[in-house]
Protein backbone atom coordinates (compact mmCIF):
# COMPACT_ATOMS: atom_id res chain seq x y z
CA MET A 1 49.30 58.84 98.22
CA ARG A 2 53.06 58.42 98.04
CA LEU A 3 53.06 58.80 94.27
CA GLY A 4 51.29 62.15 94.56
CA ILE A 5 53.78 63.43 97.13
CA ARG A 6 56.68 62.24 95.01
CA LEU A 7 55.31 63.96 91.89
CA ALA A 8 54.69 67.19 93.81
CA THR A 9 58.25 67.05 95.11
CA TYR A 10 59.68 66.58 91.63
CA LEU A 11 57.53 69.43 90.32
CA CYS A 12 58.74 71.80 93.06
CA LEU A 13 62.39 70.85 92.54
CA SER A 14 62.04 71.24 88.78
CA LEU A 15 60.49 74.70 89.17
CA MET A 16 63.27 75.73 91.52
CA VAL A 17 66.00 74.57 89.12
CA TRP A 18 64.39 76.25 86.10
CA THR A 19 63.87 79.50 88.03
CA ALA A 20 67.49 79.54 89.23
CA GLY A 21 68.70 78.88 85.69
CA ALA A 22 66.52 81.60 84.19
CA GLU A 23 67.55 84.10 86.85
CA SER A 24 71.26 83.50 86.45
CA THR A 25 71.34 83.54 82.63
CA HIS A 26 69.01 86.40 81.71
CA HIS A 27 70.48 89.72 80.52
CA HIS A 28 69.29 93.06 79.10
CA ALA A 29 70.44 95.00 76.05
CA ASN A 30 70.35 98.35 77.85
CA GLN A 31 70.21 99.69 81.39
CA THR A 32 66.68 101.09 81.17
CA LYS A 33 65.16 97.65 80.78
CA SER A 34 67.16 96.23 83.70
CA ALA A 35 65.86 99.03 85.97
CA SER A 36 62.28 97.84 85.45
CA CYS A 37 63.04 94.10 85.50
CA LEU A 38 61.70 92.52 88.70
CA ILE A 39 64.39 89.85 88.77
CA CYS A 40 67.17 92.44 88.60
CA VAL A 41 65.54 94.67 91.22
CA VAL A 42 65.16 91.77 93.65
CA ALA A 43 68.68 90.48 92.99
CA HIS A 44 70.26 93.85 93.78
CA SER A 45 68.06 94.65 96.77
CA ALA A 46 68.96 91.44 98.62
CA ASN A 47 72.35 92.86 99.68
CA PRO A 48 71.68 95.63 102.21
CA ALA A 49 74.31 98.29 102.82
CA PRO A 50 76.56 97.47 105.75
CA ASN A 51 75.88 99.41 108.92
CA ALA A 52 79.13 100.35 110.67
CA SER A 53 77.78 102.02 113.80
CA ALA A 54 79.32 99.95 116.58
CA ASP A 55 78.73 101.04 120.16
CA ALA A 56 81.60 101.16 122.61
CA PRO A 57 81.64 98.24 125.04
CA ALA A 58 80.51 98.94 128.59
CA PHE A 59 82.46 97.14 131.31
CA ALA A 60 80.77 96.53 134.66
CA ALA A 61 81.72 94.44 137.69
CA VAL A 62 79.38 91.48 137.92
CA GLY A 63 80.59 89.96 141.17
CA ILE A 64 83.59 89.28 143.36
CA LEU A 65 85.28 85.89 143.37
CA ARG A 66 85.97 84.56 146.85
CA GLU A 67 88.27 81.58 146.94
CA GLU A 68 88.13 79.15 149.84
CA ALA A 69 90.70 76.50 150.58
CA VAL A 70 89.42 72.99 150.06
CA VAL A 71 91.13 70.33 152.15
CA VAL A 72 90.28 66.69 151.59
CA ALA A 73 91.66 63.99 153.84
CA PRO A 74 93.01 61.00 151.93
CA ARG A 75 90.98 57.89 152.54
CA VAL A 76 91.90 54.43 151.37
CA GLU A 77 89.90 51.50 152.57
CA PHE A 78 90.42 47.81 152.03
CA SER A 79 87.48 47.57 149.65
CA ASP A 80 89.02 50.27 147.44
CA LEU A 81 92.05 48.08 146.83
CA SER A 82 89.89 45.28 145.34
CA ASN A 83 89.47 41.76 146.68
CA ARG A 84 92.14 39.98 144.62
CA GLY A 85 95.17 38.51 146.21
CA PRO A 86 98.71 39.16 145.03
CA PRO A 87 99.72 37.69 141.67
CA ALA A 88 101.29 34.21 141.77
CA LEU A 89 104.83 34.03 140.56
């Protein structure tokens, strides 16, 4: 089972490498043949023309921020200071 999956993987990778190599190295003697070549048509149609129609941003108030003062009383208890005695000199 694993051998079959490994061979299928190598076959797919090999086909991908050979296709990429053939696509990048092929050329045509004249322009009429490149217009009917499927590889050339697909290669040039993959880059769509940029669309520069940007809408103006619309600003709207979402909410109002209300700040409230937060007062916390300091609290130190004996257990917060740990249970060790002072260091011996």
